[in-house]
Amino acid sequence: MSPSSVFSVSVRVSVLLLALLLSGSVCAELKVLVRLDDGQISAETLESDSERDIISVELRHTDGTLTTFLADFKRHVKILRVLVLGEPERGQTQYQGLCFISRLEHGEIIPSEAMVRLRQKNPHVVRTAEEKRGLERMSMNMAVNLTLSWHLSAHIRSMCRDAQDFIYTREQDVKYWLEKGVEGSIFKAFPQNGKNAALPRCSATADPWQPCSCSYTVRLEWYPCMLKYCRGHGPSPYKCGIKSCSKAYRFDFHTPRKQQCMWDEES
């Protein structure tokens, strides 16, 4: 991304309105301050590339967890990657990567060509989303092969390389992608899939090496979810800004041992 193609976002504080520029830019990077669900403030980075037709949102939480969301509009795929800091004193690695892949629905986030036209006048203002969208619970009952993942999206390999064997998706999304001609060999059902209900919760499992059902909740605190239209002197409305949203996802998934789901103990 060249420095000449980087723009910042323009927001009117009262309504968090971001102005749309008439620009030929294909790439943009925006940095905004957002208020987290616990009241703390953190910096969020939004990047867009209209040529590759992608948008990414990255946020570091106060506990050190790094959350990255990527929307691949060309392949109708969204990727949520989480890097969770480990606890070495409990035998964990420095950090653990999780990757959750699902279908990108129409209207979840503004188009990439609109994102690259945003600019910001007030970078020190702390943003709060105008709309809090409800929690979406997802049962991630299938695994994705990282080596073959380019069949689904070219961005999975770079996004999920730190997750390795912890790359999950849903059976219902797999059916959709298979109908679109995606290679089926990249997906694998877990051996316990047929008796998933019998798999114990990690929070209720004493043995740290026992397979169990883990959960993780991810929250996107602030992102441009919809375009706003205004009426001028002409007959047709024109794009004049964005609406901001926050969204939470709860992922339920299989883990081969409780040791890799220690955060679930208090949930």
C-alpha atoms as a PDB file:
ATOM      1  CA  MET A   1       0.000   0.000   0.000  1.00  0.00           C
ATOM      2  CA  SER A   2       1.625   3.303  -1.074  1.00  0.00           C
ATOM      3  CA  PRO A   3       1.558   6.321   1.286  1.00  0.00           C
ATOM      4  CA  SER A   4      -0.145   8.414  -1.404  1.00  0.00           C
ATOM      5  CA  SER A   5      -3.146   6.085  -1.352  1.00  0.00           C
ATOM      6  CA  VAL A   6      -3.690   6.216   2.416  1.00  0.00           C
ATOM      7  CA  PHE A   7      -6.572   8.331   3.690  1.00  0.00           C
ATOM      8  CA  SER A   8      -8.055   8.996   7.150  1.00  0.00           C
ATOM      9  CA  VAL A   9     -11.886   9.008   8.114  1.00  0.00           C
ATOM     10  CA  SER A  10     -14.110  12.166   8.406  1.00  0.00           C
ATOM     11  CA  VAL A  11     -16.602  12.089  11.259  1.00  0.00           C
ATOM     12  CA  ARG A  12     -19.112  14.555  12.591  1.00  0.00           C
ATOM     13  CA  VAL A  13     -19.010  13.836  16.330  1.00  0.00           C
ATOM     14  CA  SER A  14     -22.748  14.119  16.983  1.00  0.00           C
ATOM     15  CA  VAL A  15     -23.798  11.392  14.561  1.00  0.00           C
ATOM     16  CA  LEU A  16     -20.458   9.718  13.760  1.00  0.00           C
ATOM     17  CA  LEU A  17     -20.984  10.715  10.122  1.00  0.00           C
ATOM     18  CA  LEU A  18     -18.106   9.858   7.789  1.00  0.00           C
ATOM     19  CA  ALA A  19     -17.867  11.823   4.545  1.00  0.00           C
ATOM     20  CA  LEU A  20     -17.439  10.042   1.229  1.00  0.00           C
ATOM     21  CA  LEU A  21     -14.828  11.468  -1.129  1.00  0.00           C
ATOM     22  CA  LEU A  22     -14.796  11.317  -4.919  1.00  0.00           C
ATOM     23  CA  SER A  23     -11.424   9.634  -5.245  1.00  0.00           C
ATOM     24  CA  GLY A  24      -9.705   7.151  -7.523  1.00  0.00           C
ATOM     25  CA  SER A  25      -7.889   5.520  -4.609  1.00  0.00           C
ATOM     26  CA  VAL A  26      -7.908   1.713  -4.411  1.00  0.00           C
ATOM     27  CA  CYS A  27      -6.377   1.398  -0.906  1.00  0.00           C
ATOM     28  CA  ALA A  28      -6.966   3.181   2.386  1.00  0.00           C
ATOM     29  CA  GLU A  29      -6.037   2.859   6.049  1.00  0.00           C
ATOM     30  CA  LEU A  30      -8.130   4.410   8.821  1.00  0.00           C
ATOM     31  CA  LYS A  31      -7.275   4.637  12.510  1.00  0.00           C
ATOM     32  CA  VAL A  32     -10.009   5.383  15.033  1.00  0.00           C
ATOM     33  CA  LEU A  33     -10.274   5.348  18.819  1.00  0.00           C
ATOM     34  CA  VAL A  34     -13.121   3.160  20.083  1.00  0.00           C
ATOM     35  CA  ARG A  35     -14.683   2.536  23.470  1.00  0.00           C
ATOM     36  CA  LEU A  36     -14.650  -1.146  24.362  1.00  0.00           C
ATOM     37  CA  ASP A  37     -17.489  -3.013  26.018  1.00  0.00           C
ATOM     38  CA  ASP A  38     -15.690  -2.791  29.394  1.00  0.00           C
ATOM     39  CA  GLY A  39     -15.382   1.013  29.103  1.00  0.00           C
ATOM     40  CA  GLN A  40     -11.690   1.021  28.161  1.00  0.00           C
ATOM     41  CA  ILE A  41     -10.412   2.832  25.063  1.00  0.00           C
ATOM     42  CA  SER A  42      -8.390   1.176  22.307  1.00  0.00           C
ATOM     43  CA  ALA A  43      -7.110   2.011  18.825  1.00  0.00           C
ATOM     44  CA  GLU A  44      -8.723   0.258  15.872  1.00  0.00           C
ATOM     45  CA  THR A  45      -7.290   0.013  12.356  1.00  0.00           C
ATOM     46  CA  LEU A  46      -9.490  -0.373   9.288  1.00  0.00           C
ATOM     47  CA  GLU A  47      -7.939  -1.144   5.896  1.00  0.00           C
ATOM     48  CA  SER A  48      -9.627  -1.461   2.527  1.00  0.00           C
ATOM     49  CA  ASP A  49      -8.538  -2.406  -0.972  1.00  0.00           C
ATOM     50  CA  SER A  50     -11.145  -1.901  -3.684  1.00  0.00           C
ATOM     51  CA  GLU A  51      -9.041  -3.655  -6.325  1.00  0.00           C
ATOM     52  CA  ARG A  52      -8.843  -6.891  -4.305  1.00  0.00           C
ATOM     53  CA  ASP A  53     -12.335  -6.114  -2.910  1.00  0.00           C
ATOM     54  CA  ILE A  54     -11.510  -6.649   0.764  1.00  0.00           C
ATOM     55  CA  ILE A  55     -11.907  -4.801   4.069  1.00  0.00           C
ATOM     56  CA  SER A  56     -10.127  -5.632   7.335  1.00  0.00           C
ATOM     57  CA  VAL A  57     -10.755  -4.411  10.886  1.00  0.00           C
ATOM     58  CA  GLU A  58      -8.124  -4.962  13.607  1.00  0.00           C
ATOM     59  CA  LEU A  59      -8.535  -4.248  17.315  1.00  0.00           C
ATOM     60  CA  ARG A  60      -6.294  -4.955  20.310  1.00  0.00           C
ATOM     61  CA  HIS A  61      -8.176  -5.473  23.557  1.00  0.00           C
ATOM     62  CA  THR A  62      -6.947  -4.361  26.966  1.00  0.00           C
ATOM     63  CA  ASP A  63      -5.994  -7.938  27.947  1.00  0.00           C
ATOM     64  CA  GLY A  64      -3.654  -8.136  24.939  1.00  0.00           C
ATOM     65  CA  THR A  65      -5.988 -10.194  22.713  1.00  0.00           C
ATOM     66  CA  LEU A  66      -5.756  -9.189  19.052  1.00  0.00           C
ATOM     67  CA  THR A  67      -8.917  -9.540  16.940  1.00  0.00           C
ATOM     68  CA  THR A  68      -8.858  -9.222  13.138  1.00  0.00           C
ATOM     69  CA  PHE A  69     -11.897  -9.330  10.863  1.00  0.00           C
ATOM     70  CA  LEU A  70     -11.508  -9.650   7.080  1.00  0.00           C
ATOM     71  CA  ALA A  71     -14.329  -9.438   4.530  1.00  0.00           C
ATOM     72  CA  ASP A  72     -13.576 -11.004   1.131  1.00  0.00           C
ATOM     73  CA  PHE A  73     -16.373  -9.691  -1.082  1.00  0.00           C
ATOM     74  CA  LYS A  74     -15.221 -11.561  -4.184  1.00  0.00           C
ATOM     75  CA  ARG A  75     -15.595 -14.972  -2.534  1.00  0.00           C
ATOM     76  CA  HIS A  76     -18.376 -14.067  -0.066  1.00  0.00           C
ATOM     77  CA  VAL A  77     -16.176 -15.123   2.856  1.00  0.00           C
ATOM     78  CA  LYS A  78     -15.536 -13.494   6.224  1.00  0.00           C
ATOM     79  CA  ILE A  79     -12.633 -14.452   8.471  1.00  0.00           C
ATOM     80  CA  LEU A  80     -12.404 -13.711  12.198  1.00  0.00           C
ATOM     81  CA  ARG A  81      -8.956 -14.365  13.650  1.00  0.00           C
ATOM     82  CA  VAL A  82      -8.179 -14.117  17.350  1.00  0.00           C
ATOM     83  CA  LEU A  83      -4.715 -14.225  18.930  1.00  0.00           C
ATOM     84  CA  VAL A  84      -5.163 -14.996  22.635  1.00  0.00           C
ATOM     85  CA  LEU A  85      -2.231 -14.480  24.995  1.00  0.00           C
ATOM     86  CA  GLY A  86      -1.225 -17.728  26.685  1.00  0.00           C
ATOM     87  CA  GLU A  87      -0.306 -18.427  30.290  1.00  0.00           C
ATOM     88  CA  PRO A  88       3.154 -20.080  30.293  1.00  0.00           C
ATOM     89  CA  GLU A  89       2.844 -20.905  34.001  1.00  0.00           C
ATOM     90  CA  ARG A  90      -0.081 -23.182  33.041  1.00  0.00           C
ATOM     91  CA  GLY A  91       1.857 -24.886  30.253  1.00  0.00           C
ATOM     92  CA  GLN A  92       0.437 -22.769  27.422  1.00  0.00           C
ATOM     93  CA  THR A  93       2.332 -21.284  24.492  1.00  0.00           C
ATOM     94  CA  GLN A  94       3.016 -17.538  24.150  1.00  0.00           C
ATOM     95  CA  TYR A  95      -0.270 -17.092  22.310  1.00  0.00           C
ATOM     96  CA  GLN A  96      -2.980 -19.230  20.748  1.00  0.00           C
ATOM     97  CA  GLY A  97      -4.493 -18.520  17.354  1.00  0.00           C
ATOM     98  CA  LEU A  98      -8.127 -19.200  16.481  1.00  0.00           C
ATOM     99  CA  CYS A  99      -9.675 -18.684  13.045  1.00  0.00           C
ATOM    100  CA  PHE A 100     -13.405 -18.742  12.326  1.00  0.00           C
ATOM    101  CA  ILE A 101     -14.526 -18.704   8.685  1.00  0.00           C
ATOM    102  CA  SER A 102     -18.112 -18.193   7.573  1.00  0.00           C
ATOM    103  CA  ARG A 103     -20.199 -16.878   4.711  1.00  0.00           C
ATOM    104  CA  LEU A 104     -20.192 -13.102   4.203  1.00  0.00           C
ATOM    105  CA  GLU A 105     -23.803 -11.991   3.885  1.00  0.00           C
ATOM    106  CA  HIS A 106     -24.902  -9.052   1.750  1.00  0.00           C
ATOM    107  CA  GLY A 107     -25.051  -5.804   3.725  1.00  0.00           C
ATOM    108  CA  GLU A 108     -22.917  -6.898   6.699  1.00  0.00           C
ATOM    109  CA  ILE A 109     -20.372  -4.151   6.063  1.00  0.00           C
ATOM    110  CA  ILE A 110     -20.065  -1.295   3.565  1.00  0.00           C
ATOM    111  CA  PRO A 111     -18.498  -2.072   0.137  1.00  0.00           C
ATOM    112  CA  SER A 112     -14.740  -1.739  -0.225  1.00  0.00           C
ATOM    113  CA  GLU A 113     -15.046   0.990  -2.878  1.00  0.00           C
ATOM    114  CA  ALA A 114     -16.990   3.116  -0.361  1.00  0.00           C
ATOM    115  CA  MET A 115     -14.523   2.388   2.438  1.00  0.00           C
ATOM    116  CA  VAL A 116     -11.528   3.768   0.525  1.00  0.00           C
ATOM    117  CA  ARG A 117     -13.309   7.132   0.210  1.00  0.00           C
ATOM    118  CA  LEU A 118     -13.645   7.798   3.922  1.00  0.00           C
ATOM    119  CA  ARG A 119     -11.629  10.517   5.636  1.00  0.00           C
ATOM    120  CA  GLN A 120     -11.427  11.700   9.234  1.00  0.00           C
ATOM    121  CA  LYS A 121     -11.337  15.194  10.731  1.00  0.00           C
ATOM    122  CA  ASN A 122     -11.326  14.296  14.421  1.00  0.00           C
ATOM    123  CA  PRO A 123      -8.815  11.469  15.059  1.00  0.00           C
ATOM    124  CA  HIS A 124      -8.807  12.078  18.835  1.00  0.00           C
ATOM    125  CA  VAL A 125     -12.563  11.576  19.287  1.00  0.00           C
ATOM    126  CA  VAL A 126     -13.518   8.247  20.911  1.00  0.00           C
ATOM    127  CA  ARG A 127     -16.086   6.444  18.764  1.00  0.00           C
ATOM    128  CA  THR A 128     -19.101   4.527  20.012  1.00  0.00           C
ATOM    129  CA  ALA A 129     -21.205   2.524  17.565  1.00  0.00           C
ATOM    130  CA  GLU A 130     -24.600   3.973  16.645  1.00  0.00           C
ATOM    131  CA  GLU A 131     -26.191   0.507  16.509  1.00  0.00           C
ATOM    132  CA  LYS A 132     -25.391  -2.505  18.698  1.00  0.00           C
ATOM    133  CA  ARG A 133     -26.304  -5.589  16.747  1.00  0.00           C
ATOM    134  CA  GLY A 134     -27.290  -8.700  18.685  1.00  0.00           C
ATOM    135  CA  LEU A 135     -25.033 -11.588  19.645  1.00  0.00           C
ATOM    136  CA  GLU A 136     -24.813 -14.255  16.937  1.00  0.00           C
ATOM    137  CA  ARG A 137     -24.041 -17.775  18.112  1.00  0.00           C
ATOM    138  CA  MET A 138     -22.267 -20.054  15.662  1.00  0.00           C
ATOM    139  CA  SER A 139     -21.621 -23.781  15.933  1.00  0.00           C
ATOM    140  CA  MET A 140     -18.299 -24.292  14.145  1.00  0.00           C
ATOM    141  CA  ASN A 141     -18.522 -28.023  13.517  1.00  0.00           C
ATOM    142  CA  MET A 142     -16.064 -28.438  10.621  1.00  0.00           C
ATOM    143  CA  ALA A 143     -12.352 -27.829  10.118  1.00  0.00           C
ATOM    144  CA  VAL A 144     -10.576 -26.096   7.213  1.00  0.00           C
ATOM    145  CA  ASN A 145      -7.310 -27.386   5.742  1.00  0.00           C
ATOM    146  CA  LEU A 146      -4.917 -24.418   5.718  1.00  0.00           C
ATOM    147  CA  THR A 147      -2.803 -25.778   2.841  1.00  0.00           C
ATOM    148  CA  LEU A 148      -5.823 -26.105   0.528  1.00  0.00           C
ATOM    149  CA  SER A 149      -7.687 -23.046   1.803  1.00  0.00           C
ATOM    150  CA  TRP A 150      -6.850 -20.967  -1.298  1.00  0.00           C
ATOM    151  CA  HIS A 151      -9.703 -22.840  -3.022  1.00  0.00           C
ATOM    152  CA  LEU A 152     -12.067 -20.907  -0.742  1.00  0.00           C
ATOM    153  CA  SER A 153     -10.235 -17.576  -0.300  1.00  0.00           C
ATOM    154  CA  ALA A 154      -6.702 -16.446  -1.058  1.00  0.00           C
ATOM    155  CA  HIS A 155      -6.622 -14.567   2.275  1.00  0.00           C
ATOM    156  CA  ILE A 156      -7.172 -17.520   4.636  1.00  0.00           C
ATOM    157  CA  ARG A 157      -3.561 -18.732   4.476  1.00  0.00           C
ATOM    158  CA  SER A 158      -2.050 -15.417   5.566  1.00  0.00           C
ATOM    159  CA  MET A 159      -4.786 -14.647   8.093  1.00  0.00           C
ATOM    160  CA  CYS A 160      -4.930 -18.084   9.721  1.00  0.00           C
ATOM    161  CA  ARG A 161      -1.329 -19.300   9.618  1.00  0.00           C
ATOM    162  CA  ASP A 162      -1.006 -18.758  13.393  1.00  0.00           C
ATOM    163  CA  ALA A 163      -4.109 -20.875  14.047  1.00  0.00           C
ATOM    164  CA  GLN A 164      -2.803 -23.995  12.245  1.00  0.00           C
ATOM    165  CA  ASP A 165      -5.212 -26.775  13.359  1.00  0.00           C
ATOM    166  CA  PHE A 166      -7.699 -24.337  14.913  1.00  0.00           C
ATOM    167  CA  ILE A 167      -9.415 -23.155  11.730  1.00  0.00           C
ATOM    168  CA  TYR A 168     -13.162 -23.694  11.915  1.00  0.00           C
ATOM    169  CA  THR A 169     -16.251 -23.249   9.780  1.00  0.00           C
ATOM    170  CA  ARG A 170     -19.926 -24.315   9.748  1.00  0.00           C
ATOM    171  CA  GLU A 171     -21.574 -27.170   7.893  1.00  0.00           C
ATOM    172  CA  GLN A 172     -24.274 -24.865   6.494  1.00  0.00           C
ATOM    173  CA  ASP A 173     -21.645 -22.561   5.008  1.00  0.00           C
ATOM    174  CA  VAL A 174     -19.728 -25.507   3.566  1.00  0.00           C
ATOM    175  CA  LYS A 175     -22.891 -26.625   1.737  1.00  0.00           C
ATOM    176  CA  TYR A 176     -23.244 -23.135   0.239  1.00  0.00           C
ATOM    177  CA  TRP A 177     -19.615 -23.037  -0.940  1.00  0.00           C
ATOM    178  CA  LEU A 178     -19.780 -26.548  -2.387  1.00  0.00           C
ATOM    179  CA  GLU A 179     -22.791 -25.472  -4.460  1.00  0.00           C
ATOM    180  CA  LYS A 180     -20.650 -22.598  -5.751  1.00  0.00           C
ATOM    181  CA  GLY A 181     -17.994 -25.054  -6.927  1.00  0.00           C
ATOM    182  CA  VAL A 182     -15.455 -24.802  -4.078  1.00  0.00           C
ATOM    183  CA  GLU A 183     -13.214 -27.871  -3.737  1.00  0.00           C
ATOM    184  CA  GLY A 184     -14.681 -30.094  -1.012  1.00  0.00           C
ATOM    185  CA  SER A 185     -11.375 -31.646   0.104  1.00  0.00           C
ATOM    186  CA  ILE A 186     -10.455 -28.531   2.117  1.00  0.00           C
ATOM    187  CA  PHE A 187     -13.242 -29.237   4.646  1.00  0.00           C
ATOM    188  CA  LYS A 188     -13.288 -31.957   7.293  1.00  0.00           C
ATOM    189  CA  ALA A 189     -15.916 -32.911   9.855  1.00  0.00           C
ATOM    190  CA  PHE A 190     -14.681 -33.674  13.356  1.00  0.00           C
ATOM    191  CA  PRO A 191     -14.773 -37.352  14.382  1.00  0.00           C
ATOM    192  CA  GLN A 192     -17.062 -36.458  17.282  1.00  0.00           C
ATOM    193  CA  ASN A 193     -19.426 -34.526  15.007  1.00  0.00           C
ATOM    194  CA  GLY A 194     -22.161 -37.154  15.083  1.00  0.00           C
ATOM    195  CA  LYS A 195     -22.303 -37.184  18.891  1.00  0.00           C
ATOM    196  CA  ASN A 196     -21.386 -33.547  19.453  1.00  0.00           C
ATOM    197  CA  ALA A 197     -24.106 -33.129  22.092  1.00  0.00           C
ATOM    198  CA  ALA A 198     -22.332 -35.710  24.284  1.00  0.00           C
ATOM    199  CA  LEU A 199     -19.019 -33.851  24.165  1.00  0.00           C
ATOM    200  CA  PRO A 200     -18.493 -32.268  27.631  1.00  0.00           C
ATOM    201  CA  ARG A 201     -18.063 -28.531  28.050  1.00  0.00           C
ATOM    202  CA  CYS A 202     -14.447 -27.541  28.674  1.00  0.00           C
ATOM    203  CA  SER A 203     -15.586 -25.531  31.701  1.00  0.00           C
ATOM    204  CA  ALA A 204     -16.968 -28.737  33.238  1.00  0.00           C
ATOM    205  CA  THR A 205     -13.960 -30.923  32.342  1.00  0.00           C
ATOM    206  CA  ALA A 206     -11.317 -31.649  34.981  1.00  0.00           C
ATOM    207  CA  ASP A 207      -8.738 -33.417  32.787  1.00  0.00           C
ATOM    208  CA  PRO A 208      -6.685 -30.787  30.871  1.00  0.00           C
ATOM    209  CA  TRP A 209      -5.906 -33.325  28.124  1.00  0.00           C
ATOM    210  CA  GLN A 210      -9.489 -34.417  27.452  1.00  0.00           C
ATOM    211  CA  PRO A 211     -11.355 -33.325  24.270  1.00  0.00           C
ATOM    212  CA  CYS A 212     -14.191 -30.941  25.009  1.00  0.00           C
ATOM    213  CA  SER A 213     -16.545 -28.326  23.582  1.00  0.00           C
ATOM    214  CA  CYS A 214     -15.040 -24.846  23.834  1.00  0.00           C
ATOM    215  CA  SER A 215     -16.583 -21.398  23.358  1.00  0.00           C
ATOM    216  CA  TYR A 216     -15.115 -18.029  22.499  1.00  0.00           C
ATOM    217  CA  THR A 217     -16.864 -14.675  22.122  1.00  0.00           C
ATOM    218  CA  VAL A 218     -15.539 -12.030  19.727  1.00  0.00           C
ATOM    219  CA  ARG A 219     -16.835  -8.452  19.612  1.00  0.00           C
ATOM    220  CA  LEU A 220     -16.273  -5.951  16.824  1.00  0.00           C
ATOM    221  CA  GLU A 221     -16.685  -2.672  18.699  1.00  0.00           C
ATOM    222  CA  TRP A 222     -16.980  -0.262  15.785  1.00  0.00           C
ATOM    223  CA  TYR A 223     -17.189  -0.704  12.020  1.00  0.00           C
ATOM    224  CA  PRO A 224     -18.998   1.008   9.095  1.00  0.00           C
ATOM    225  CA  CYS A 225     -21.981  -1.256   8.511  1.00  0.00           C
ATOM    226  CA  MET A 226     -24.256   0.785   6.232  1.00  0.00           C
ATOM    227  CA  LEU A 227     -24.156   3.706   3.798  1.00  0.00           C
ATOM    228  CA  LYS A 228     -26.263   6.784   4.467  1.00  0.00           C
ATOM    229  CA  TYR A 229     -28.051   8.616   1.668  1.00  0.00           C
ATOM    230  CA  CYS A 230     -29.028  12.295   1.563  1.00  0.00           C
ATOM    231  CA  ARG A 231     -31.284  14.257  -0.780  1.00  0.00           C
ATOM    232  CA  GLY A 232     -29.896  17.273  -2.604  1.00  0.00           C
ATOM    233  CA  HIS A 233     -31.209  19.430  -5.411  1.00  0.00           C
ATOM    234  CA  GLY A 234     -31.288  16.521  -7.864  1.00  0.00           C
ATOM    235  CA  PRO A 235     -33.972  13.839  -8.207  1.00  0.00           C
ATOM    236  CA  SER A 236     -31.878  11.020  -6.730  1.00  0.00           C
ATOM    237  CA  PRO A 237     -30.354  10.646  -3.244  1.00  0.00           C
ATOM    238  CA  TYR A 238     -26.562  10.565  -2.965  1.00  0.00           C
ATOM    239  CA  LYS A 239     -24.135   8.785  -0.627  1.00  0.00           C
ATOM    240  CA  CYS A 240     -23.289  11.174   2.188  1.00  0.00           C
ATOM    241  CA  GLY A 241     -21.851   9.090   5.023  1.00  0.00           C
ATOM    242  CA  ILE A 242     -21.989   5.868   6.977  1.00  0.00           C
ATOM    243  CA  LYS A 243     -23.724   4.238   9.914  1.00  0.00           C
ATOM    244  CA  SER A 244     -21.498   2.547  12.498  1.00  0.00           C
ATOM    245  CA  CYS A 245     -22.304  -0.741  14.246  1.00  0.00           C
ATOM    246  CA  SER A 246     -20.900  -3.119  16.832  1.00  0.00           C
ATOM    247  CA  LYS A 247     -21.397  -6.870  16.617  1.00  0.00           C
ATOM    248  CA  ALA A 248     -20.610  -9.868  18.843  1.00  0.00           C
ATOM    249  CA  TYR A 249     -20.148 -13.495  17.820  1.00  0.00           C
ATOM    250  CA  ARG A 250     -20.041 -16.534  20.091  1.00  0.00           C
ATOM    251  CA  PHE A 251     -18.286 -19.505  18.533  1.00  0.00           C
ATOM    252  CA  ASP A 252     -18.775 -23.051  19.854  1.00  0.00           C
ATOM    253  CA  PHE A 253     -16.170 -25.514  18.612  1.00  0.00           C
ATOM    254  CA  HIS A 254     -14.346 -28.761  19.304  1.00  0.00           C
ATOM    255  CA  THR A 255     -10.908 -28.674  20.897  1.00  0.00           C
ATOM    256  CA  PRO A 256      -8.700 -31.794  21.276  1.00  0.00           C
ATOM    257  CA  ARG A 257      -7.851 -30.922  24.884  1.00  0.00           C
ATOM    258  CA  LYS A 258      -9.063 -28.555  27.583  1.00  0.00           C
ATOM    259  CA  GLN A 259      -5.535 -27.133  27.912  1.00  0.00           C
ATOM    260  CA  GLN A 260      -6.278 -25.134  24.742  1.00  0.00           C
ATOM    261  CA  CYS A 261      -9.486 -23.623  26.140  1.00  0.00           C
ATOM    262  CA  MET A 262      -8.510 -22.276  29.562  1.00  0.00           C
ATOM    263  CA  TRP A 263     -10.485 -19.024  29.081  1.00  0.00           C
ATOM    264  CA  ASP A 264     -13.698 -21.084  29.133  1.00  0.00           C
ATOM    265  CA  GLU A 265     -13.300 -21.976  32.815  1.00  0.00           C
ATOM    266  CA  GLU A 266     -15.158 -18.911  34.074  1.00  0.00           C
ATOM    267  CA  SER A 267     -17.748 -18.638  31.264  1.00  0.00           C
END
